[in-house]
Amino acid sequence: MKFIDSNVFVYFADGRNPKKQAIARTVLADAIGNRQYVISSQVLNEFANVSLKKLEMTEDEVRRYVEEFQHIRVVFQQKMTLFPCQFQF
């Protein structure tokens, strides 16, 4: 299973760096409909936040991107369990 970070989605939408955008497009084209790739709901939230604030997209633009990205398998975060550290520093 391959997890895709939110930065890949930001590079996909951001045309300021064509080299990174091309790589992101290749990764996401391979990921759409491929069950080996997953994203989290947090990735979609982070993409939306960065797109609205830094890329200055409209809500409709962000919504269209997110709808495309939902063709990638989305995993939802569950309650995290913390365990005591076994290492001494």
Protein backbone atom coordinates (compact mmCIF):
# COMPACT_ATOMS: atom_id res chain seq x y z
CA MET A 1 0.00 0.00 0.00
CA LYS A 2 1.33 3.45 -0.94
CA PHE A 3 0.28 6.56 0.97
CA ILE A 4 0.18 9.85 -0.94
CA ASP A 5 1.05 12.97 1.04
CA SER A 6 -0.89 16.24 0.69
CA ASN A 7 2.11 17.94 -0.95
CA VAL A 8 1.60 15.81 -4.06
CA PHE A 9 -1.92 17.19 -4.41
CA VAL A 10 -0.72 20.76 -3.87
CA TYR A 11 1.98 20.35 -6.55
CA PHE A 12 -0.66 18.87 -8.87
CA ALA A 13 -2.77 22.03 -8.61
CA ASP A 14 0.05 24.59 -8.38
CA GLY A 15 1.50 25.59 -11.75
CA ARG A 16 4.38 27.65 -10.31
CA ASN A 17 6.78 24.69 -10.48
CA PRO A 18 6.13 22.78 -13.73
CA LYS A 19 8.64 20.01 -12.93
CA LYS A 20 6.98 19.14 -9.58
CA GLN A 21 3.55 19.52 -11.17
CA ALA A 22 4.44 17.02 -13.90
CA ILE A 23 5.67 14.48 -11.34
CA ALA A 24 2.53 14.95 -9.24
CA ARG A 25 0.31 14.49 -12.30
CA THR A 26 2.08 11.24 -13.13
CA VAL A 27 1.72 9.93 -9.58
CA LEU A 28 -1.95 10.85 -9.32
CA ALA A 29 -2.79 9.52 -12.80
CA ASP A 30 -1.36 6.17 -11.69
CA ALA A 31 -3.16 6.35 -8.34
CA ILE A 32 -6.70 7.01 -9.60
CA GLY A 33 -8.55 3.73 -9.46
CA ASN A 34 -5.45 1.83 -8.27
CA ARG A 35 -6.18 0.16 -4.92
CA GLN A 36 -2.47 0.16 -3.99
CA TYR A 37 -2.61 3.91 -3.32
CA VAL A 38 -4.41 5.51 -0.39
CA ILE A 39 -4.93 8.97 1.03
CA SER A 40 -6.40 10.06 4.32
CA SER A 41 -9.26 12.42 4.93
CA GLN A 42 -6.66 14.69 6.53
CA VAL A 43 -4.80 14.90 3.20
CA LEU A 44 -7.95 16.25 1.55
CA ASN A 45 -8.41 18.77 4.36
CA GLU A 46 -4.79 19.91 4.15
CA PHE A 47 -5.03 20.28 0.37
CA ALA A 48 -8.18 22.37 0.73
CA ASN A 49 -6.61 24.59 3.37
CA VAL A 50 -3.40 25.24 1.39
CA SER A 51 -5.33 25.76 -1.84
CA LEU A 52 -7.64 28.34 -0.31
CA LYS A 53 -4.99 30.24 1.64
CA LYS A 54 -1.75 29.97 -0.32
CA LEU A 55 -2.89 29.20 -3.86
CA GLU A 56 -5.88 31.55 -3.48
CA MET A 57 -8.30 29.18 -5.18
CA THR A 58 -12.02 29.63 -4.91
CA GLU A 59 -14.10 27.12 -2.96
CA ASP A 60 -15.55 25.84 -6.23
CA GLU A 61 -12.07 25.21 -7.66
CA VAL A 62 -11.03 23.32 -4.54
CA ARG A 63 -14.24 21.32 -4.58
CA ARG A 64 -13.61 20.22 -8.19
CA TYR A 65 -10.11 19.01 -7.33
CA VAL A 66 -11.29 17.16 -4.22
CA GLU A 67 -14.01 15.43 -6.25
CA GLU A 68 -11.31 14.17 -8.65
CA PHE A 69 -9.11 13.02 -5.78
CA GLN A 70 -11.92 11.00 -4.26
CA HIS A 71 -11.34 8.42 -6.98
CA ILE A 72 -8.32 7.45 -4.90
CA ARG A 73 -9.04 5.19 -1.94
CA VAL A 74 -9.60 7.34 1.16
CA VAL A 75 -8.81 5.95 4.59
CA PHE A 76 -10.18 7.61 7.68
CA GLN A 77 -8.18 8.21 10.80
CA GLN A 78 -9.12 6.31 13.88
CA LYS A 79 -8.40 7.02 17.50
CA MET A 80 -4.67 6.83 18.06
CA THR A 81 -3.31 4.60 20.80
CA LEU A 82 -0.07 5.74 22.42
CA PHE A 83 2.28 3.27 24.00
CA PRO A 84 5.00 4.00 26.55
CA CYS A 85 8.42 4.56 25.03
CA GLN A 86 10.84 1.68 25.52
CA PHE A 87 13.93 3.78 24.79
CA GLN A 88 15.98 5.81 27.22
CA PHE A 89 17.46 9.07 26.03
